[in-house]
Amino acid sequence: MKIAFYGTKPYDRIWFEPMGKEYGFDIHFIEAACNPETVFMAKGHDAICVFVNDHVDAGMIDALYEMNVKAILLRSAGYNNVDVKAAEDKIVVLRVPSYSPEAVAEFSMAMLLAVARLTHKAYNRTRDFNMSLNGLMGVDFHEKTAGVIGTGKIGQAMIRILNGFQMEVICYDPFPAEGLEAEYVPLEELFRRSDVISIHCPLNMETRHIINEQSIAAMKKGVYLVNTSRGGLIDTEALIKGMLEGRFGGVGLDVYEEEEGVFYEDRSGDIITDDNLARLMTFPNVLITSHMGFFTREAMQAIAKTTLENAYALENGLPLANQVGKEMAL
């Protein structure tokens, strides 16, 4: 199988290159993102491999189909960046449903602790030998109420961590899981009761802007919010408005609505024209990271293994356990 591997970073090759050789795959590593201008580079390949900031729309699906590309290999759990409906009966879409739920959950907790205890500010201050505690007073999480939106594998891992802090954990998911040490409540109640909110749901038509002006108005003043899922779950302009009104104690964002072309890239020498992102950076109680919640050795190895196992299953006519089916199309 020949695979066009888009959006290649040095850390991708660490696992995909040797594993690909073990499977006998011919992987063509391409640094450019997958988009309408670069889709032609898939010609002569049996599959393409894309990440979260590669967007494959209906027109690209048709182009890939005409090039006899048989599969889109997602090296991620989310698939909102691929037009799944357009791919039906044309190209198989395979994803990595789980790689390291603990990696994302642990990072979410790290972000919560950072914004609650202002460790990011303290780090910058003490590097200049400013050891003053003024402006660094934080809050305890012990016995506070934590709300978890989405109780898939990552959400469940987050619930276990929050329980370790002896927090009261409430959660919302339209498809409840059994046996969780958390109380399922309606979404409106979660917004109203939570001191901390952590988002762990997929991005689709129902969840887009689940955090909006109305939901922010329903939250406790001083709530802490963390999003390590998808940027489109939060209405950025509503978030900025809430920040200006002093509604948040702190916000941690590992993802952003318009992150394409910025996240995963070094833009330190460029003028950033995204006014909303630039404005978010000015708030002292906002911590923004570059979509790195998943980024551990264990997770990267698991992503490579599952992605290539998906390709192997397709090539050898085996059951496609990780296919994005019609029932999952947005």
C-alpha atoms as a PDB file:
ATOM      1  CA  MET A   1       0.000   0.000   0.000  1.00  0.00           C
ATOM      2  CA  LYS A   2       1.222   3.489  -0.896  1.00  0.00           C
ATOM      3  CA  ILE A   3       0.204   6.183   1.592  1.00  0.00           C
ATOM      4  CA  ALA A   4       0.416   9.959   1.161  1.00  0.00           C
ATOM      5  CA  PHE A   5       1.091  11.234   4.669  1.00  0.00           C
ATOM      6  CA  TYR A   6       0.073  14.898   4.895  1.00  0.00           C
ATOM      7  CA  GLY A   7       1.112  17.481   7.481  1.00  0.00           C
ATOM      8  CA  THR A   8       4.267  15.612   8.467  1.00  0.00           C
ATOM      9  CA  LYS A   9       6.168  16.830  11.517  1.00  0.00           C
ATOM     10  CA  PRO A  10       9.522  15.424  12.732  1.00  0.00           C
ATOM     11  CA  TYR A  11       7.796  13.667  15.621  1.00  0.00           C
ATOM     12  CA  ASP A  12       5.434  11.820  13.239  1.00  0.00           C
ATOM     13  CA  ARG A  13       8.326  10.049  11.534  1.00  0.00           C
ATOM     14  CA  ILE A  14       9.688   8.691  14.826  1.00  0.00           C
ATOM     15  CA  TRP A  15       6.964   6.037  14.908  1.00  0.00           C
ATOM     16  CA  PHE A  16       5.356   5.982  11.473  1.00  0.00           C
ATOM     17  CA  GLU A  17       8.566   5.475   9.510  1.00  0.00           C
ATOM     18  CA  PRO A  18       9.819   2.277  11.231  1.00  0.00           C
ATOM     19  CA  MET A  19       6.316   0.864  11.769  1.00  0.00           C
ATOM     20  CA  GLY A  20       5.417   1.523   8.139  1.00  0.00           C
ATOM     21  CA  LYS A  21       8.419  -0.499   7.014  1.00  0.00           C
ATOM     22  CA  GLU A  22       7.387  -3.363   9.302  1.00  0.00           C
ATOM     23  CA  TYR A  23       3.980  -3.474   7.611  1.00  0.00           C
ATOM     24  CA  GLY A  24       5.573  -3.191   4.175  1.00  0.00           C
ATOM     25  CA  PHE A  25       3.884   0.142   3.410  1.00  0.00           C
ATOM     26  CA  ASP A  26       5.384   2.790   1.139  1.00  0.00           C
ATOM     27  CA  ILE A  27       4.733   6.024   3.043  1.00  0.00           C
ATOM     28  CA  HIS A  28       5.326   9.321   1.224  1.00  0.00           C
ATOM     29  CA  PHE A  29       5.813  11.954   3.926  1.00  0.00           C
ATOM     30  CA  ILE A  30       4.500  15.379   2.855  1.00  0.00           C
ATOM     31  CA  GLU A  31       5.061  18.477   5.001  1.00  0.00           C
ATOM     32  CA  ALA A  32       2.195  20.420   3.429  1.00  0.00           C
ATOM     33  CA  ALA A  33      -1.304  20.216   4.867  1.00  0.00           C
ATOM     34  CA  CYS A  34      -4.002  18.432   2.906  1.00  0.00           C
ATOM     35  CA  ASN A  35      -6.175  21.010   1.148  1.00  0.00           C
ATOM     36  CA  PRO A  36      -7.600  21.683  -2.338  1.00  0.00           C
ATOM     37  CA  GLU A  37      -4.205  22.965  -3.517  1.00  0.00           C
ATOM     38  CA  THR A  38      -2.241  19.908  -2.334  1.00  0.00           C
ATOM     39  CA  VAL A  39      -4.724  17.082  -2.904  1.00  0.00           C
ATOM     40  CA  PHE A  40      -3.130  16.356  -6.295  1.00  0.00           C
ATOM     41  CA  MET A  41      -0.106  14.993  -4.422  1.00  0.00           C
ATOM     42  CA  ALA A  42      -2.193  11.937  -3.517  1.00  0.00           C
ATOM     43  CA  LYS A  43      -2.138  10.736  -7.136  1.00  0.00           C
ATOM     44  CA  GLY A  44      -0.648   7.254  -7.382  1.00  0.00           C
ATOM     45  CA  HIS A  45      -1.338   6.455  -3.731  1.00  0.00           C
ATOM     46  CA  ASP A  46      -3.798   3.984  -2.278  1.00  0.00           C
ATOM     47  CA  ALA A  47      -4.587   6.076   0.815  1.00  0.00           C
ATOM     48  CA  ILE A  48      -3.983   9.429   2.400  1.00  0.00           C
ATOM     49  CA  CYS A  49      -3.198   9.982   6.078  1.00  0.00           C
ATOM     50  CA  VAL A  50      -4.389  13.255   7.629  1.00  0.00           C
ATOM     51  CA  PHE A  51      -4.484  14.997  11.001  1.00  0.00           C
ATOM     52  CA  VAL A  52      -6.942  17.350  12.701  1.00  0.00           C
ATOM     53  CA  ASN A  53      -5.964  20.492  10.789  1.00  0.00           C
ATOM     54  CA  ASP A  54      -6.193  18.833   7.384  1.00  0.00           C
ATOM     55  CA  HIS A  55      -9.633  19.453   5.871  1.00  0.00           C
ATOM     56  CA  VAL A  56     -11.048  17.067   3.290  1.00  0.00           C
ATOM     57  CA  ASP A  57     -14.211  18.481   1.737  1.00  0.00           C
ATOM     58  CA  ALA A  58     -16.612  17.057  -0.840  1.00  0.00           C
ATOM     59  CA  GLY A  59     -14.675  18.404  -3.812  1.00  0.00           C
ATOM     60  CA  MET A  60     -11.479  16.830  -2.500  1.00  0.00           C
ATOM     61  CA  ILE A  61     -13.306  13.548  -1.924  1.00  0.00           C
ATOM     62  CA  ASP A  62     -14.333  13.518  -5.581  1.00  0.00           C
ATOM     63  CA  ALA A  63     -10.765  14.298  -6.662  1.00  0.00           C
ATOM     64  CA  LEU A  64      -9.369  11.500  -4.475  1.00  0.00           C
ATOM     65  CA  TYR A  65     -11.976   9.078  -5.805  1.00  0.00           C
ATOM     66  CA  GLU A  66     -11.003   9.892  -9.392  1.00  0.00           C
ATOM     67  CA  MET A  67      -7.367   9.202  -8.421  1.00  0.00           C
ATOM     68  CA  ASN A  68      -8.436   5.760  -7.115  1.00  0.00           C
ATOM     69  CA  VAL A  69      -7.532   6.598  -3.537  1.00  0.00           C
ATOM     70  CA  LYS A  70      -9.285   3.967  -1.445  1.00  0.00           C
ATOM     71  CA  ALA A  71      -8.980   5.295   2.099  1.00  0.00           C
ATOM     72  CA  ILE A  72      -8.609   8.332   4.311  1.00  0.00           C
ATOM     73  CA  LEU A  73      -6.589   7.338   7.372  1.00  0.00           C
ATOM     74  CA  LEU A  74      -7.268   9.725  10.233  1.00  0.00           C
ATOM     75  CA  ARG A  75      -4.518   9.764  12.823  1.00  0.00           C
ATOM     76  CA  SER A  76      -6.990  11.191  15.322  1.00  0.00           C
ATOM     77  CA  ALA A  77     -10.224  10.300  17.076  1.00  0.00           C
ATOM     78  CA  GLY A  78     -12.211  13.261  15.746  1.00  0.00           C
ATOM     79  CA  TYR A  79     -13.441  13.260  12.151  1.00  0.00           C
ATOM     80  CA  ASN A  80     -15.215  16.614  11.855  1.00  0.00           C
ATOM     81  CA  ASN A  81     -12.518  17.744   9.400  1.00  0.00           C
ATOM     82  CA  VAL A  82     -13.620  15.180   6.806  1.00  0.00           C
ATOM     83  CA  ASP A  83     -16.877  15.320   4.843  1.00  0.00           C
ATOM     84  CA  VAL A  84     -17.954  11.822   5.858  1.00  0.00           C
ATOM     85  CA  LYS A  85     -21.233  11.983   3.942  1.00  0.00           C
ATOM     86  CA  ALA A  86     -19.431  12.833   0.712  1.00  0.00           C
ATOM     87  CA  ALA A  87     -17.122   9.856   1.260  1.00  0.00           C
ATOM     88  CA  GLU A  88     -19.977   7.333   1.503  1.00  0.00           C
ATOM     89  CA  ASP A  89     -19.700   4.576  -1.132  1.00  0.00           C
ATOM     90  CA  LYS A  90     -16.523   6.220  -2.485  1.00  0.00           C
ATOM     91  CA  ILE A  91     -13.699   6.217   0.032  1.00  0.00           C
ATOM     92  CA  VAL A  92     -13.338   4.402   3.358  1.00  0.00           C
ATOM     93  CA  VAL A  93     -12.674   6.680   6.337  1.00  0.00           C
ATOM     94  CA  LEU A  94     -10.786   5.087   9.233  1.00  0.00           C
ATOM     95  CA  ARG A  95      -9.941   6.757  12.528  1.00  0.00           C
ATOM     96  CA  VAL A  96      -8.085   6.156  15.799  1.00  0.00           C
ATOM     97  CA  PRO A  97     -10.943   6.056  18.322  1.00  0.00           C
ATOM     98  CA  SER A  98      -8.685   5.817  21.358  1.00  0.00           C
ATOM     99  CA  TYR A  99      -4.957   6.264  21.841  1.00  0.00           C
ATOM    100  CA  SER A 100      -4.339   7.552  25.358  1.00  0.00           C
ATOM    101  CA  PRO A 101      -7.414   8.986  27.080  1.00  0.00           C
ATOM    102  CA  GLU A 102      -5.263   9.536  30.154  1.00  0.00           C
ATOM    103  CA  ALA A 103      -2.891  11.801  28.190  1.00  0.00           C
ATOM    104  CA  VAL A 104      -5.655  14.289  27.368  1.00  0.00           C
ATOM    105  CA  ALA A 105      -7.348  14.035  30.772  1.00  0.00           C
ATOM    106  CA  GLU A 106      -4.089  14.543  32.656  1.00  0.00           C
ATOM    107  CA  PHE A 107      -3.283  17.557  30.490  1.00  0.00           C
ATOM    108  CA  SER A 108      -6.758  18.980  31.111  1.00  0.00           C
ATOM    109  CA  MET A 109      -6.168  18.731  34.845  1.00  0.00           C
ATOM    110  CA  ALA A 110      -2.741  20.315  34.436  1.00  0.00           C
ATOM    111  CA  MET A 111      -4.348  23.275  32.667  1.00  0.00           C
ATOM    112  CA  LEU A 112      -6.999  23.602  35.368  1.00  0.00           C
ATOM    113  CA  LEU A 113      -4.365  23.600  38.086  1.00  0.00           C
ATOM    114  CA  ALA A 114      -2.252  26.119  36.188  1.00  0.00           C
ATOM    115  CA  VAL A 115      -5.034  28.673  35.773  1.00  0.00           C
ATOM    116  CA  ALA A 116      -6.354  28.097  39.301  1.00  0.00           C
ATOM    117  CA  ARG A 117      -2.948  28.403  40.969  1.00  0.00           C
ATOM    118  CA  LEU A 118      -1.406  30.795  38.399  1.00  0.00           C
ATOM    119  CA  THR A 119       1.674  28.645  37.982  1.00  0.00           C
ATOM    120  CA  HIS A 120       2.216  29.935  34.439  1.00  0.00           C
ATOM    121  CA  LYS A 121       2.444  33.487  35.775  1.00  0.00           C
ATOM    122  CA  ALA A 122       4.651  32.429  38.691  1.00  0.00           C
ATOM    123  CA  TYR A 123       7.044  30.675  36.301  1.00  0.00           C
ATOM    124  CA  ASN A 124       7.565  33.823  34.231  1.00  0.00           C
ATOM    125  CA  ARG A 125       7.880  35.984  37.340  1.00  0.00           C
ATOM    126  CA  THR A 126      10.424  33.892  39.206  1.00  0.00           C
ATOM    127  CA  ARG A 127      12.677  33.613  36.153  1.00  0.00           C
ATOM    128  CA  ASP A 128      13.330  37.326  36.773  1.00  0.00           C
ATOM    129  CA  PHE A 129      13.858  36.545  40.494  1.00  0.00           C
ATOM    130  CA  ASN A 130      10.604  38.287  41.381  1.00  0.00           C
ATOM    131  CA  MET A 131       9.503  36.165  44.319  1.00  0.00           C
ATOM    132  CA  SER A 132       6.566  38.328  45.361  1.00  0.00           C
ATOM    133  CA  LEU A 133       3.286  36.494  45.964  1.00  0.00           C
ATOM    134  CA  ASN A 134       1.144  39.521  45.131  1.00  0.00           C
ATOM    135  CA  GLY A 135      -1.368  38.631  42.425  1.00  0.00           C
ATOM    136  CA  LEU A 136      -0.757  34.884  42.677  1.00  0.00           C
ATOM    137  CA  MET A 137      -3.521  33.870  45.084  1.00  0.00           C
ATOM    138  CA  GLY A 138      -5.355  30.811  43.779  1.00  0.00           C
ATOM    139  CA  VAL A 139      -8.284  28.631  44.817  1.00  0.00           C
ATOM    140  CA  ASP A 140      -8.712  25.099  46.186  1.00  0.00           C
ATOM    141  CA  PHE A 141     -10.496  22.471  44.111  1.00  0.00           C
ATOM    142  CA  HIS A 142     -11.092  20.219  47.132  1.00  0.00           C
ATOM    143  CA  GLU A 143     -14.855  19.652  47.629  1.00  0.00           C
ATOM    144  CA  LYS A 144     -15.745  22.043  44.789  1.00  0.00           C
ATOM    145  CA  THR A 145     -18.132  20.924  42.013  1.00  0.00           C
ATOM    146  CA  ALA A 146     -16.639  19.835  38.699  1.00  0.00           C
ATOM    147  CA  GLY A 147     -18.738  19.492  35.546  1.00  0.00           C
ATOM    148  CA  VAL A 148     -17.586  17.181  32.750  1.00  0.00           C
ATOM    149  CA  ILE A 149     -19.211  17.566  29.332  1.00  0.00           C
ATOM    150  CA  GLY A 150     -18.814  14.314  27.422  1.00  0.00           C
ATOM    151  CA  THR A 151     -18.221  10.978  29.127  1.00  0.00           C
ATOM    152  CA  GLY A 152     -16.398   8.960  26.512  1.00  0.00           C
ATOM    153  CA  LYS A 153     -13.032   7.438  27.362  1.00  0.00           C
ATOM    154  CA  ILE A 154     -11.335  10.817  27.883  1.00  0.00           C
ATOM    155  CA  GLY A 155     -14.225  12.180  29.934  1.00  0.00           C
ATOM    156  CA  GLN A 156     -14.216   9.057  32.087  1.00  0.00           C
ATOM    157  CA  ALA A 157     -10.461   9.407  32.672  1.00  0.00           C
ATOM    158  CA  MET A 158     -11.066  13.031  33.682  1.00  0.00           C
ATOM    159  CA  ILE A 159     -13.788  11.981  36.122  1.00  0.00           C
ATOM    160  CA  ARG A 160     -11.373   9.583  37.816  1.00  0.00           C
ATOM    161  CA  ILE A 161      -8.828  12.386  38.232  1.00  0.00           C
ATOM    162  CA  LEU A 162     -11.396  14.839  39.600  1.00  0.00           C
ATOM    163  CA  ASN A 163     -12.606  12.245  42.085  1.00  0.00           C
ATOM    164  CA  GLY A 164      -9.006  11.970  43.259  1.00  0.00           C
ATOM    165  CA  PHE A 165      -9.208  15.649  44.215  1.00  0.00           C
ATOM    166  CA  GLN A 166     -12.329  14.791  46.244  1.00  0.00           C
ATOM    167  CA  MET A 167     -14.485  17.014  44.101  1.00  0.00           C
ATOM    168  CA  GLU A 168     -18.219  16.567  43.580  1.00  0.00           C
ATOM    169  CA  VAL A 169     -18.363  15.456  39.946  1.00  0.00           C
ATOM    170  CA  ILE A 170     -21.402  16.007  37.761  1.00  0.00           C
ATOM    171  CA  CYS A 171     -21.525  15.260  34.055  1.00  0.00           C
ATOM    172  CA  TYR A 172     -23.560  15.556  30.885  1.00  0.00           C
ATOM    173  CA  ASP A 173     -23.713  13.265  27.863  1.00  0.00           C
ATOM    174  CA  PRO A 174     -26.719  12.357  25.695  1.00  0.00           C
ATOM    175  CA  PHE A 175     -25.425   8.775  25.793  1.00  0.00           C
ATOM    176  CA  PRO A 176     -24.713   8.028  29.479  1.00  0.00           C
ATOM    177  CA  ALA A 177     -22.125   5.441  30.492  1.00  0.00           C
ATOM    178  CA  GLU A 178     -22.726   3.049  33.351  1.00  0.00           C
ATOM    179  CA  GLY A 179     -20.705   2.727  36.514  1.00  0.00           C
ATOM    180  CA  LEU A 180     -19.214   6.211  36.669  1.00  0.00           C
ATOM    181  CA  GLU A 181     -18.510   7.883  39.989  1.00  0.00           C
ATOM    182  CA  ALA A 182     -20.357  10.966  38.826  1.00  0.00           C
ATOM    183  CA  GLU A 183     -23.915  12.257  38.675  1.00  0.00           C
ATOM    184  CA  TYR A 184     -25.523  12.797  35.276  1.00  0.00           C
ATOM    185  CA  VAL A 185     -27.440  16.067  35.144  1.00  0.00           C
ATOM    186  CA  PRO A 186     -29.052  18.184  32.407  1.00  0.00           C
ATOM    187  CA  LEU A 187     -26.620  20.506  30.656  1.00  0.00           C
ATOM    188  CA  GLU A 188     -28.284  23.619  32.064  1.00  0.00           C
ATOM    189  CA  GLU A 189     -27.850  22.280  35.597  1.00  0.00           C
ATOM    190  CA  LEU A 190     -24.202  21.496  34.947  1.00  0.00           C
ATOM    191  CA  PHE A 191     -23.574  25.079  33.865  1.00  0.00           C
ATOM    192  CA  ARG A 192     -25.383  26.412  36.931  1.00  0.00           C
ATOM    193  CA  ARG A 193     -23.723  24.212  39.558  1.00  0.00           C
ATOM    194  CA  SER A 194     -20.138  23.790  38.362  1.00  0.00           C
ATOM    195  CA  ASP A 195     -17.118  25.586  39.806  1.00  0.00           C
ATOM    196  CA  VAL A 196     -14.979  23.876  37.155  1.00  0.00           C
ATOM    197  CA  ILE A 197     -16.055  22.794  33.646  1.00  0.00           C
ATOM    198  CA  SER A 198     -13.987  20.482  31.443  1.00  0.00           C
ATOM    199  CA  ILE A 199     -15.095  19.726  27.876  1.00  0.00           C
ATOM    200  CA  HIS A 200     -14.529  16.262  26.382  1.00  0.00           C
ATOM    201  CA  CYS A 201     -17.114  15.833  23.625  1.00  0.00           C
ATOM    202  CA  PRO A 202     -16.793  15.564  19.822  1.00  0.00           C
ATOM    203  CA  LEU A 203     -17.548  18.499  17.554  1.00  0.00           C
ATOM    204  CA  ASN A 204     -20.729  18.060  15.507  1.00  0.00           C
ATOM    205  CA  MET A 205     -23.848  20.006  14.611  1.00  0.00           C
ATOM    206  CA  GLU A 206     -25.323  19.448  18.087  1.00  0.00           C
ATOM    207  CA  THR A 207     -22.220  20.457  20.046  1.00  0.00           C
ATOM    208  CA  ARG A 208     -20.875  23.351  17.990  1.00  0.00           C
ATOM    209  CA  HIS A 209     -20.760  26.423  20.260  1.00  0.00           C
ATOM    210  CA  ILE A 210     -22.074  24.427  23.207  1.00  0.00           C
ATOM    211  CA  ILE A 211     -20.327  27.164  25.183  1.00  0.00           C
ATOM    212  CA  ASN A 212     -22.053  30.330  24.032  1.00  0.00           C
ATOM    213  CA  GLU A 213     -23.404  33.607  25.381  1.00  0.00           C
ATOM    214  CA  GLN A 214     -26.443  31.937  26.957  1.00  0.00           C
ATOM    215  CA  SER A 215     -24.522  29.100  28.607  1.00  0.00           C
ATOM    216  CA  ILE A 216     -21.861  31.488  29.907  1.00  0.00           C
ATOM    217  CA  ALA A 217     -24.572  33.667  31.440  1.00  0.00           C
ATOM    218  CA  ALA A 218     -25.906  30.588  33.259  1.00  0.00           C
ATOM    219  CA  MET A 219     -22.520  29.734  34.792  1.00  0.00           C
ATOM    220  CA  LYS A 220     -21.309  30.687  38.251  1.00  0.00           C
ATOM    221  CA  LYS A 221     -19.256  33.856  38.316  1.00  0.00           C
ATOM    222  CA  GLY A 222     -15.630  32.849  38.714  1.00  0.00           C
ATOM    223  CA  VAL A 223     -16.011  29.447  37.007  1.00  0.00           C
ATOM    224  CA  TYR A 224     -12.914  27.742  35.594  1.00  0.00           C
ATOM    225  CA  LEU A 225     -13.252  26.423  32.033  1.00  0.00           C
ATOM    226  CA  VAL A 226     -10.947  24.071  30.121  1.00  0.00           C
ATOM    227  CA  ASN A 227     -11.287  22.845  26.541  1.00  0.00           C
ATOM    228  CA  THR A 228      -8.946  20.162  25.195  1.00  0.00           C
ATOM    229  CA  SER A 229     -11.392  18.748  22.612  1.00  0.00           C
ATOM    230  CA  ARG A 230     -12.190  20.954  19.607  1.00  0.00           C
ATOM    231  CA  GLY A 231     -12.092  24.722  19.283  1.00  0.00           C
ATOM    232  CA  GLY A 232     -15.530  24.967  17.684  1.00  0.00           C
ATOM    233  CA  LEU A 233     -17.177  23.823  20.918  1.00  0.00           C
ATOM    234  CA  ILE A 234     -16.691  27.370  22.226  1.00  0.00           C
ATOM    235  CA  ASP A 235     -18.051  30.544  20.659  1.00  0.00           C
ATOM    236  CA  THR A 236     -14.874  32.621  20.855  1.00  0.00           C
ATOM    237  CA  GLU A 237     -16.592  36.003  20.713  1.00  0.00           C
ATOM    238  CA  ALA A 238     -18.955  34.981  23.521  1.00  0.00           C
ATOM    239  CA  LEU A 239     -15.965  33.792  25.547  1.00  0.00           C
ATOM    240  CA  ILE A 240     -14.181  37.115  25.105  1.00  0.00           C
ATOM    241  CA  LYS A 241     -17.343  38.967  26.126  1.00  0.00           C
ATOM    242  CA  GLY A 242     -17.567  36.795  29.245  1.00  0.00           C
ATOM    243  CA  MET A 243     -13.911  37.475  30.038  1.00  0.00           C
ATOM    244  CA  LEU A 244     -14.448  41.223  29.757  1.00  0.00           C
ATOM    245  CA  GLU A 245     -17.408  40.927  32.124  1.00  0.00           C
ATOM    246  CA  GLY A 246     -15.226  39.096  34.659  1.00  0.00           C
ATOM    247  CA  ARG A 247     -17.280  35.913  34.563  1.00  0.00           C
ATOM    248  CA  PHE A 248     -14.343  33.492  34.571  1.00  0.00           C
ATOM    249  CA  GLY A 249     -11.826  32.706  37.268  1.00  0.00           C
ATOM    250  CA  GLY A 250      -9.605  31.203  34.602  1.00  0.00           C
ATOM    251  CA  VAL A 251      -9.733  29.578  31.182  1.00  0.00           C
ATOM    252  CA  GLY A 252      -7.464  26.944  29.654  1.00  0.00           C
ATOM    253  CA  LEU A 253      -7.624  26.454  25.899  1.00  0.00           C
ATOM    254  CA  ASP A 254      -5.619  23.753  24.176  1.00  0.00           C
ATOM    255  CA  VAL A 255      -7.751  24.206  21.051  1.00  0.00           C
ATOM    256  CA  TYR A 256      -9.163  27.210  19.214  1.00  0.00           C
ATOM    257  CA  GLU A 257     -11.921  27.774  16.660  1.00  0.00           C
ATOM    258  CA  GLU A 258      -9.637  29.168  13.968  1.00  0.00           C
ATOM    259  CA  GLU A 259      -6.447  27.307  14.842  1.00  0.00           C
ATOM    260  CA  GLU A 260      -5.738  26.100  11.308  1.00  0.00           C
ATOM    261  CA  GLY A 261      -2.515  27.594   9.988  1.00  0.00           C
ATOM    262  CA  VAL A 262      -1.431  28.739  13.461  1.00  0.00           C
ATOM    263  CA  PHE A 263      -1.412  25.738  15.775  1.00  0.00           C
ATOM    264  CA  TYR A 264       1.378  23.205  15.096  1.00  0.00           C
ATOM    265  CA  GLU A 265       3.351  25.949  13.329  1.00  0.00           C
ATOM    266  CA  ASP A 266       6.064  28.404  14.411  1.00  0.00           C
ATOM    267  CA  ARG A 267       4.492  31.799  13.818  1.00  0.00           C
ATOM    268  CA  SER A 268       6.710  33.641  16.312  1.00  0.00           C
ATOM    269  CA  GLY A 269       8.112  35.908  13.613  1.00  0.00           C
ATOM    270  CA  ASP A 270       4.739  36.728  12.030  1.00  0.00           C
ATOM    271  CA  ILE A 271       2.086  39.330  12.673  1.00  0.00           C
ATOM    272  CA  ILE A 272      -1.014  37.475  13.809  1.00  0.00           C
ATOM    273  CA  THR A 273      -4.062  38.892  12.067  1.00  0.00           C
ATOM    274  CA  ASP A 274      -6.617  36.926  14.102  1.00  0.00           C
ATOM    275  CA  ASP A 275      -7.945  39.623  16.448  1.00  0.00           C
ATOM    276  CA  ASN A 276      -9.821  37.156  18.664  1.00  0.00           C
ATOM    277  CA  LEU A 277      -6.773  34.980  19.271  1.00  0.00           C
ATOM    278  CA  ALA A 278      -4.624  38.037  19.920  1.00  0.00           C
ATOM    279  CA  ARG A 279      -7.214  39.358  22.377  1.00  0.00           C
ATOM    280  CA  LEU A 280      -7.412  36.063  24.255  1.00  0.00           C
ATOM    281  CA  MET A 281      -3.635  36.173  24.713  1.00  0.00           C
ATOM    282  CA  THR A 282      -3.949  39.475  26.593  1.00  0.00           C
ATOM    283  CA  PHE A 283      -6.070  38.109  29.454  1.00  0.00           C
ATOM    284  CA  PRO A 284      -3.895  37.248  32.474  1.00  0.00           C
ATOM    285  CA  ASN A 285      -6.183  34.387  33.519  1.00  0.00           C
ATOM    286  CA  VAL A 286      -6.227  32.666  30.114  1.00  0.00           C
ATOM    287  CA  LEU A 287      -3.726  29.922  29.289  1.00  0.00           C
ATOM    288  CA  ILE A 288      -3.472  28.894  25.627  1.00  0.00           C
ATOM    289  CA  THR A 289      -1.478  25.890  24.459  1.00  0.00           C
ATOM    290  CA  SER A 290      -0.985  24.512  20.963  1.00  0.00           C
ATOM    291  CA  HIS A 291      -3.342  21.493  20.781  1.00  0.00           C
ATOM    292  CA  MET A 292      -0.842  19.342  22.667  1.00  0.00           C
ATOM    293  CA  GLY A 293      -3.113  17.521  25.114  1.00  0.00           C
ATOM    294  CA  PHE A 294      -2.609  14.238  23.254  1.00  0.00           C
ATOM    295  CA  PHE A 295       1.139  14.710  22.836  1.00  0.00           C
ATOM    296  CA  THR A 296       2.845  12.007  24.886  1.00  0.00           C
ATOM    297  CA  ARG A 297       5.186   9.222  23.811  1.00  0.00           C
ATOM    298  CA  GLU A 298       2.560   6.651  24.708  1.00  0.00           C
ATOM    299  CA  ALA A 299      -0.174   8.379  22.735  1.00  0.00           C
ATOM    300  CA  MET A 300       1.947   8.997  19.632  1.00  0.00           C
ATOM    301  CA  GLN A 301       3.033   5.377  19.533  1.00  0.00           C
ATOM    302  CA  ALA A 302      -0.563   4.194  19.912  1.00  0.00           C
ATOM    303  CA  ILE A 303      -1.746   6.562  17.148  1.00  0.00           C
ATOM    304  CA  ALA A 304       0.844   5.206  14.714  1.00  0.00           C
ATOM    305  CA  LYS A 305       0.062   1.601  15.617  1.00  0.00           C
ATOM    306  CA  THR A 306      -3.719   1.930  15.203  1.00  0.00           C
ATOM    307  CA  THR A 307      -3.473   4.014  12.016  1.00  0.00           C
ATOM    308  CA  LEU A 308      -1.257   1.426  10.344  1.00  0.00           C
ATOM    309  CA  GLU A 309      -3.372  -1.455  11.668  1.00  0.00           C
ATOM    310  CA  ASN A 310      -6.355   0.237   9.995  1.00  0.00           C
ATOM    311  CA  ALA A 311      -4.441   0.357   6.715  1.00  0.00           C
ATOM    312  CA  TYR A 312      -3.372  -3.286   7.094  1.00  0.00           C
ATOM    313  CA  ALA A 313      -6.966  -4.383   7.731  1.00  0.00           C
ATOM    314  CA  LEU A 314      -8.158  -2.565   4.623  1.00  0.00           C
ATOM    315  CA  GLU A 315      -5.392  -3.978   2.443  1.00  0.00           C
ATOM    316  CA  ASN A 316      -6.022  -7.543   3.598  1.00  0.00           C
ATOM    317  CA  GLY A 317      -9.817  -7.545   3.599  1.00  0.00           C
ATOM    318  CA  LEU A 318     -10.098  -7.786   7.376  1.00  0.00           C
ATOM    319  CA  PRO A 319     -12.968  -6.291   9.425  1.00  0.00           C
ATOM    320  CA  LEU A 320     -12.700  -2.493   9.624  1.00  0.00           C
ATOM    321  CA  ALA A 321     -13.376  -1.982  13.318  1.00  0.00           C
ATOM    322  CA  ASN A 322     -12.469   1.714  13.202  1.00  0.00           C
ATOM    323  CA  GLN A 323     -14.391   2.752  10.103  1.00  0.00           C
ATOM    324  CA  VAL A 324     -16.370   5.960  10.365  1.00  0.00           C
ATOM    325  CA  GLY A 325     -19.771   4.648   9.283  1.00  0.00           C
ATOM    326  CA  LYS A 326     -22.775   6.339   7.816  1.00  0.00           C
ATOM    327  CA  GLU A 327     -24.390   6.566  11.240  1.00  0.00           C
ATOM    328  CA  MET A 328     -21.441   8.717  12.375  1.00  0.00           C
ATOM    329  CA  ALA A 329     -21.655  11.207   9.519  1.00  0.00           C
ATOM    330  CA  LEU A 330     -22.384  14.775  10.584  1.00  0.00           C
END
